[in-house]
Amino acid sequence: AATKLARVIENCFAIQGIELLNAAQALDFRRPLKSSQKIENLHATFRNEVSFLAADRNTSLDMKAALNFVKNTL
């Protein structure tokens, strides 16, 4: 049961990372509009780790970086 719980928690972190990646992209597409200062700060910190997706590319490294960001920063 503990092993399954550990997998579930890891998957939750991965989902949150993917959601953050998508939210950051959405914020970038809405520029020059701004959000709240806290969200802008989080976005800037996240973008230091994961760059904007300007064109199609393999996002596995981006997802891994987003997962690490969620685990280590949030």
PDB file of N, CA and C in Angstrom:
ATOM      1  N   ALA A   1       0.827  -1.191   0.000  1.00  0.00           N
ATOM      2  CA  ALA A   1       0.000   0.000   0.000  1.00  0.00           C
ATOM      3  C   ALA A   1       0.874   1.258   0.000  1.00  0.00           C
ATOM      4  N   ALA A   2       1.977   1.223   0.732  1.00  0.00           N
ATOM      5  CA  ALA A   2       2.856   2.393   0.798  1.00  0.00           C
ATOM      6  C   ALA A   2       3.509   2.660  -0.556  1.00  0.00           C
ATOM      7  N   THR A   3       3.872   1.602  -1.269  1.00  0.00           N
ATOM      8  CA  THR A   3       4.483   1.761  -2.587  1.00  0.00           C
ATOM      9  C   THR A   3       3.489   2.371  -3.566  1.00  0.00           C
ATOM     10  N   LYS A   4       2.242   1.899  -3.506  1.00  0.00           N
ATOM     11  CA  LYS A   4       1.210   2.449  -4.380  1.00  0.00           C
ATOM     12  C   LYS A   4       0.961   3.919  -4.052  1.00  0.00           C
ATOM     13  N   LEU A   5       0.925   4.257  -2.771  1.00  0.00           N
ATOM     14  CA  LEU A   5       0.737   5.646  -2.361  1.00  0.00           C
ATOM     15  C   LEU A   5       1.873   6.526  -2.880  1.00  0.00           C
ATOM     16  N   ALA A   6       3.094   6.030  -2.817  1.00  0.00           N
ATOM     17  CA  ALA A   6       4.243   6.793  -3.322  1.00  0.00           C
ATOM     18  C   ALA A   6       4.100   7.060  -4.818  1.00  0.00           C
ATOM     19  N   ARG A   7       3.615   6.068  -5.577  1.00  0.00           N
ATOM     20  CA  ARG A   7       3.392   6.256  -7.018  1.00  0.00           C
ATOM     21  C   ARG A   7       2.296   7.283  -7.272  1.00  0.00           C
ATOM     22  N   VAL A   8       1.228   7.210  -6.477  1.00  0.00           N
ATOM     23  CA  VAL A   8       0.123   8.162  -6.623  1.00  0.00           C
ATOM     24  C   VAL A   8       0.607   9.583  -6.350  1.00  0.00           C
ATOM     25  N   ILE A   9       1.387   9.760  -5.300  1.00  0.00           N
ATOM     26  CA  ILE A   9       1.916  11.088  -4.965  1.00  0.00           C
ATOM     27  C   ILE A   9       2.828  11.594  -6.077  1.00  0.00           C
ATOM     28  N   GLU A  10       3.688  10.736  -6.601  1.00  0.00           N
ATOM     29  CA  GLU A  10       4.578  11.128  -7.699  1.00  0.00           C
ATOM     30  C   GLU A  10       3.765  11.539  -8.927  1.00  0.00           C
ATOM     31  N   ASN A  11       2.702  10.795  -9.221  1.00  0.00           N
ATOM     32  CA  ASN A  11       1.835  11.144 -10.348  1.00  0.00           C
ATOM     33  C   ASN A  11       1.138  12.482 -10.124  1.00  0.00           C
ATOM     34  N   CYS A  12       0.742  12.759  -8.895  1.00  0.00           N
ATOM     35  CA  CYS A  12       0.118  14.055  -8.576  1.00  0.00           C
ATOM     36  C   CYS A  12       1.096  15.201  -8.813  1.00  0.00           C
ATOM     37  N   PHE A  13       2.354  15.015  -8.421  1.00  0.00           N
ATOM     38  CA  PHE A  13       3.376  16.026  -8.703  1.00  0.00           C
ATOM     39  C   PHE A  13       3.530  16.226 -10.214  1.00  0.00           C
ATOM     40  N   ALA A  14       3.530  15.127 -10.963  1.00  0.00           N
ATOM     41  CA  ALA A  14       3.679  15.220 -12.419  1.00  0.00           C
ATOM     42  C   ALA A  14       2.507  15.974 -13.038  1.00  0.00           C
ATOM     43  N   ILE A  15       1.303  15.687 -12.579  1.00  0.00           N
ATOM     44  CA  ILE A  15       0.119  16.377 -13.091  1.00  0.00           C
ATOM     45  C   ILE A  15       0.198  17.866 -12.784  1.00  0.00           C
ATOM     46  N   GLN A  16       0.603  18.212 -11.566  1.00  0.00           N
ATOM     47  CA  GLN A  16       0.731  19.625 -11.207  1.00  0.00           C
ATOM     48  C   GLN A  16       1.792  20.313 -12.067  1.00  0.00           C
ATOM     49  N   GLY A  17       2.867  19.612 -12.374  1.00  0.00           N
ATOM     50  CA  GLY A  17       3.899  20.175 -13.241  1.00  0.00           C
ATOM     51  C   GLY A  17       3.378  20.451 -14.642  1.00  0.00           C
ATOM     52  N   ILE A  18       2.615  19.513 -15.183  1.00  0.00           N
ATOM     53  CA  ILE A  18       2.038  19.695 -16.518  1.00  0.00           C
ATOM     54  C   ILE A  18       1.036  20.849 -16.507  1.00  0.00           C
ATOM     55  N   GLU A  19       0.224  20.924 -15.468  1.00  0.00           N
ATOM     56  CA  GLU A  19      -0.730  22.033 -15.345  1.00  0.00           C
ATOM     57  C   GLU A  19      -0.004  23.374 -15.276  1.00  0.00           C
ATOM     58  N   LEU A  20       1.083  23.427 -14.526  1.00  0.00           N
ATOM     59  CA  LEU A  20       1.861  24.664 -14.419  1.00  0.00           C
ATOM     60  C   LEU A  20       2.486  25.027 -15.763  1.00  0.00           C
ATOM     61  N   LEU A  21       2.967  24.034 -16.480  1.00  0.00           N
ATOM     62  CA  LEU A  21       3.531  24.264 -17.811  1.00  0.00           C
ATOM     63  C   LEU A  21       2.481  24.869 -18.737  1.00  0.00           C
ATOM     64  N   ASN A  22       1.274  24.318 -18.713  1.00  0.00           N
ATOM     65  CA  ASN A  22       0.190  24.838 -19.549  1.00  0.00           C
ATOM     66  C   ASN A  22      -0.244  26.234 -19.112  1.00  0.00           C
ATOM     67  N   ALA A  23      -0.311  26.464 -17.815  1.00  0.00           N
ATOM     68  CA  ALA A  23      -0.703  27.785 -17.309  1.00  0.00           C
ATOM     69  C   ALA A  23       0.325  28.845 -17.701  1.00  0.00           C
ATOM     70  N   ALA A  24       1.599  28.494 -17.636  1.00  0.00           N
ATOM     71  CA  ALA A  24       2.648  29.442 -18.021  1.00  0.00           C
ATOM     72  C   ALA A  24       2.542  29.785 -19.506  1.00  0.00           C
ATOM     73  N   GLN A  25       2.271  28.779 -20.331  1.00  0.00           N
ATOM     74  CA  GLN A  25       2.089  29.035 -21.761  1.00  0.00           C
ATOM     75  C   GLN A  25       0.904  29.966 -21.986  1.00  0.00           C
ATOM     76  N   ALA A  26      -0.191  29.701 -21.280  1.00  0.00           N
ATOM     77  CA  ALA A  26      -1.392  30.526 -21.435  1.00  0.00           C
ATOM     78  C   ALA A  26      -1.114  31.973 -21.044  1.00  0.00           C
ATOM     79  N   LEU A  27      -0.393  32.166 -19.942  1.00  0.00           N
ATOM     80  CA  LEU A  27      -0.046  33.532 -19.535  1.00  0.00           C
ATOM     81  C   LEU A  27       0.796  34.224 -20.599  1.00  0.00           C
ATOM     82  N   ASP A  28       1.735  33.496 -21.176  1.00  0.00           N
ATOM     83  CA  ASP A  28       2.585  34.084 -22.213  1.00  0.00           C
ATOM     84  C   ASP A  28       1.777  34.466 -23.451  1.00  0.00           C
ATOM     85  N   PHE A  29       0.792  33.650 -23.808  1.00  0.00           N
ATOM     86  CA  PHE A  29      -0.033  33.958 -24.974  1.00  0.00           C
ATOM     87  C   PHE A  29      -0.931  35.168 -24.736  1.00  0.00           C
ATOM     88  N   ARG A  30      -1.221  35.480 -23.487  1.00  0.00           N
ATOM     89  CA  ARG A  30      -2.101  36.602 -23.154  1.00  0.00           C
ATOM     90  C   ARG A  30      -1.350  37.914 -22.977  1.00  0.00           C
ATOM     91  N   ARG A  31      -0.051  37.910 -23.183  1.00  0.00           N
ATOM     92  CA  ARG A  31       0.729  39.135 -23.052  1.00  0.00           C
ATOM     93  C   ARG A  31       0.243  40.145 -24.066  1.00  0.00           C
ATOM     94  N   PRO A  32       0.184  41.401 -23.793  1.00  0.00           N
ATOM     95  CA  PRO A  32       0.806  42.144 -22.706  1.00  0.00           C
ATOM     96  C   PRO A  32      -0.039  42.225 -21.437  1.00  0.00           C
ATOM     97  N   LEU A  33      -1.170  41.526 -21.379  1.00  0.00           N
ATOM     98  CA  LEU A  33      -1.971  41.543 -20.156  1.00  0.00           C
ATOM     99  C   LEU A  33      -1.162  40.979 -18.996  1.00  0.00           C
ATOM    100  N   LYS A  34      -1.419  41.470 -17.813  1.00  0.00           N
ATOM    101  CA  LYS A  34      -0.705  41.031 -16.613  1.00  0.00           C
ATOM    102  C   LYS A  34      -1.676  40.366 -15.649  1.00  0.00           C
ATOM    103  N   SER A  35      -1.128  39.554 -14.778  1.00  0.00           N
ATOM    104  CA  SER A  35      -1.895  38.908 -13.720  1.00  0.00           C
ATOM    105  C   SER A  35      -1.495  39.533 -12.388  1.00  0.00           C
ATOM    106  N   SER A  36      -1.878  38.883 -11.296  1.00  0.00           N
ATOM    107  CA  SER A  36      -1.500  39.411  -9.979  1.00  0.00           C
ATOM    108  C   SER A  36       0.015  39.314  -9.795  1.00  0.00           C
ATOM    109  N   GLN A  37       0.540  40.069  -8.857  1.00  0.00           N
ATOM    110  CA  GLN A  37       1.988  40.094  -8.636  1.00  0.00           C
ATOM    111  C   GLN A  37       2.507  38.723  -8.217  1.00  0.00           C
ATOM    112  N   LYS A  38       1.762  37.999  -7.383  1.00  0.00           N
ATOM    113  CA  LYS A  38       2.208  36.665  -6.953  1.00  0.00           C
ATOM    114  C   LYS A  38       2.298  35.711  -8.134  1.00  0.00           C
ATOM    115  N   ILE A  39       1.308  35.756  -9.005  1.00  0.00           N
ATOM    116  CA  ILE A  39       1.328  34.873 -10.174  1.00  0.00           C
ATOM    117  C   ILE A  39       2.445  35.280 -11.127  1.00  0.00           C
ATOM    118  N   GLU A  40       2.644  36.566 -11.319  1.00  0.00           N
ATOM    119  CA  GLU A  40       3.736  37.028 -12.182  1.00  0.00           C
ATOM    120  C   GLU A  40       5.094  36.597 -11.623  1.00  0.00           C
ATOM    121  N   ASN A  41       5.260  36.656 -10.306  1.00  0.00           N
ATOM    122  CA  ASN A  41       6.517  36.207  -9.687  1.00  0.00           C
ATOM    123  C   ASN A  41       6.718  34.709  -9.882  1.00  0.00           C
ATOM    124  N   LEU A  42       5.653  33.926  -9.669  1.00  0.00           N
ATOM    125  CA  LEU A  42       5.740  32.477  -9.874  1.00  0.00           C
ATOM    126  C   LEU A  42       6.061  32.174 -11.332  1.00  0.00           C
ATOM    127  N   HIS A  43       5.407  32.877 -12.238  1.00  0.00           N
ATOM    128  CA  HIS A  43       5.639  32.676 -13.665  1.00  0.00           C
ATOM    129  C   HIS A  43       7.097  32.963 -14.025  1.00  0.00           C
ATOM    130  N   ALA A  44       7.625  34.067 -13.521  1.00  0.00           N
ATOM    131  CA  ALA A  44       9.019  34.423 -13.814  1.00  0.00           C
ATOM    132  C   ALA A  44       9.984  33.381 -13.261  1.00  0.00           C
ATOM    133  N   THR A  45       9.728  32.911 -12.051  1.00  0.00           N
ATOM    134  CA  THR A  45      10.581  31.882 -11.449  1.00  0.00           C
ATOM    135  C   THR A  45      10.503  30.588 -12.250  1.00  0.00           C
ATOM    136  N   PHE A  46       9.296  30.219 -12.665  1.00  0.00           N
ATOM    137  CA  PHE A  46       9.106  29.005 -13.464  1.00  0.00           C
ATOM    138  C   PHE A  46       9.809  29.134 -14.810  1.00  0.00           C
ATOM    139  N   ARG A  47       9.703  30.301 -15.434  1.00  0.00           N
ATOM    140  CA  ARG A  47      10.333  30.495 -16.742  1.00  0.00           C
ATOM    141  C   ARG A  47      11.856  30.489 -16.663  1.00  0.00           C
ATOM    142  N   ASN A  48      12.424  30.683 -15.504  1.00  0.00           N
ATOM    143  CA  ASN A  48      13.870  30.512 -15.348  1.00  0.00           C
ATOM    144  C   ASN A  48      14.260  29.047 -15.487  1.00  0.00           C
ATOM    145  N   GLU A  49      13.324  28.149 -15.220  1.00  0.00           N
ATOM    146  CA  GLU A  49      13.581  26.706 -15.292  1.00  0.00           C
ATOM    147  C   GLU A  49      13.085  26.092 -16.597  1.00  0.00           C
ATOM    148  N   VAL A  50      11.965  26.589 -17.097  1.00  0.00           N
ATOM    149  CA  VAL A  50      11.332  26.009 -18.288  1.00  0.00           C
ATOM    150  C   VAL A  50      11.027  27.140 -19.266  1.00  0.00           C
ATOM    151  N   SER A  51      11.584  27.051 -20.460  1.00  0.00           N
ATOM    152  CA  SER A  51      11.409  28.130 -21.434  1.00  0.00           C
ATOM    153  C   SER A  51      10.067  28.025 -22.160  1.00  0.00           C
ATOM    154  N   PHE A  52       9.686  29.136 -22.771  1.00  0.00           N
ATOM    155  CA  PHE A  52       8.468  29.233 -23.567  1.00  0.00           C
ATOM    156  C   PHE A  52       8.551  28.279 -24.749  1.00  0.00           C
ATOM    157  N   LEU A  53       7.448  27.618 -25.064  1.00  0.00           N
ATOM    158  CA  LEU A  53       7.400  26.725 -26.220  1.00  0.00           C
ATOM    159  C   LEU A  53       6.987  27.542 -27.437  1.00  0.00           C
ATOM    160  N   ALA A  54       7.954  28.044 -28.171  1.00  0.00           N
ATOM    161  CA  ALA A  54       7.670  28.886 -29.334  1.00  0.00           C
ATOM    162  C   ALA A  54       7.308  28.054 -30.562  1.00  0.00           C
ATOM    163  N   ALA A  55       7.729  26.794 -30.583  1.00  0.00           N
ATOM    164  CA  ALA A  55       7.457  25.903 -31.709  1.00  0.00           C
ATOM    165  C   ALA A  55       7.326  24.484 -31.170  1.00  0.00           C
ATOM    166  N   ASP A  56       6.783  23.608 -32.007  1.00  0.00           N
ATOM    167  CA  ASP A  56       6.656  22.212 -31.596  1.00  0.00           C
ATOM    168  C   ASP A  56       8.030  21.634 -31.288  1.00  0.00           C
ATOM    169  N   ARG A  57       8.093  20.897 -30.186  1.00  0.00           N
ATOM    170  CA  ARG A  57       9.323  20.204 -29.816  1.00  0.00           C
ATOM    171  C   ARG A  57       8.961  19.108 -28.821  1.00  0.00           C
ATOM    172  N   ASN A  58       9.885  18.231 -28.592  1.00  0.00           N
ATOM    173  CA  ASN A  58       9.704  17.195 -27.585  1.00  0.00           C
ATOM    174  C   ASN A  58       9.670  17.875 -26.218  1.00  0.00           C
ATOM    175  N   THR A  59       8.601  17.679 -25.482  1.00  0.00           N
ATOM    176  CA  THR A  59       8.436  18.373 -24.201  1.00  0.00           C
ATOM    177  C   THR A  59       8.769  17.498 -22.998  1.00  0.00           C
ATOM    178  N   SER A  60       9.361  16.341 -23.226  1.00  0.00           N
ATOM    179  CA  SER A  60       9.658  15.461 -22.090  1.00  0.00           C
ATOM    180  C   SER A  60      10.621  16.123 -21.103  1.00  0.00           C
ATOM    181  N   LEU A  61      11.616  16.844 -21.605  1.00  0.00           N
ATOM    182  CA  LEU A  61      12.541  17.537 -20.702  1.00  0.00           C
ATOM    183  C   LEU A  61      11.848  18.691 -19.985  1.00  0.00           C
ATOM    184  N   ASP A  62      10.934  19.365 -20.680  1.00  0.00           N
ATOM    185  CA  ASP A  62      10.164  20.440 -20.049  1.00  0.00           C
ATOM    186  C   ASP A  62       9.281  19.886 -18.934  1.00  0.00           C
ATOM    187  N   MET A  63       8.646  18.751 -19.196  1.00  0.00           N
ATOM    188  CA  MET A  63       7.784  18.144 -18.174  1.00  0.00           C
ATOM    189  C   MET A  63       8.598  17.682 -16.971  1.00  0.00           C
ATOM    190  N   LYS A  64       9.778  17.143 -17.227  1.00  0.00           N
ATOM    191  CA  LYS A  64      10.644  16.731 -16.120  1.00  0.00           C
ATOM    192  C   LYS A  64      11.087  17.941 -15.304  1.00  0.00           C
ATOM    193  N   ALA A  65      11.435  19.037 -15.990  1.00  0.00           N
ATOM    194  CA  ALA A  65      11.827  20.264 -15.289  1.00  0.00           C
ATOM    195  C   ALA A  65      10.652  20.838 -14.505  1.00  0.00           C
ATOM    196  N   ALA A  66       9.450  20.775 -15.073  1.00  0.00           N
ATOM    197  CA  ALA A  66       8.257  21.263 -14.372  1.00  0.00           C
ATOM    198  C   ALA A  66       7.975  20.409 -13.139  1.00  0.00           C
ATOM    199  N   LEU A  67       8.145  19.100 -13.256  1.00  0.00           N
ATOM    200  CA  LEU A  67       7.971  18.206 -12.108  1.00  0.00           C
ATOM    201  C   LEU A  67       8.959  18.563 -11.008  1.00  0.00           C
ATOM    202  N   ASN A  68      10.216  18.748 -11.369  1.00  0.00           N
ATOM    203  CA  ASN A  68      11.229  19.124 -10.377  1.00  0.00           C
ATOM    204  C   ASN A  68      10.923  20.477  -9.754  1.00  0.00           C
ATOM    205  N   PHE A  69      10.417  21.409 -10.554  1.00  0.00           N
ATOM    206  CA  PHE A  69      10.049  22.724 -10.034  1.00  0.00           C
ATOM    207  C   PHE A  69       8.955  22.591  -8.978  1.00  0.00           C
ATOM    208  N   VAL A  70       7.936  21.806  -9.281  1.00  0.00           N
ATOM    209  CA  VAL A  70       6.830  21.615  -8.330  1.00  0.00           C
ATOM    210  C   VAL A  70       7.338  20.962  -7.052  1.00  0.00           C
ATOM    211  N   LYS A  71       8.167  19.950  -7.186  1.00  0.00           N
ATOM    212  CA  LYS A  71       8.665  19.235  -6.004  1.00  0.00           C
ATOM    213  C   LYS A  71       9.593  20.091  -5.156  1.00  0.00           C
ATOM    214  N   ASN A  72      10.413  20.908  -5.791  1.00  0.00           N
ATOM    215  CA  ASN A  72      11.454  21.632  -5.065  1.00  0.00           C
ATOM    216  C   ASN A  72      11.105  23.074  -4.720  1.00  0.00           C
ATOM    217  N   THR A  73      10.160  23.663  -5.427  1.00  0.00           N
ATOM    218  CA  THR A  73       9.884  25.084  -5.248  1.00  0.00           C
ATOM    219  C   THR A  73       8.556  25.345  -4.561  1.00  0.00           C
ATOM    220  N   LEU A  74       7.542  24.600  -4.933  1.00  0.00           N
ATOM    221  CA  LEU A  74       6.204  24.872  -4.381  1.00  0.00           C
ATOM    222  C   LEU A  74       5.962  24.144  -3.085  1.00  0.00           C
TER     223      LEU A  74
END
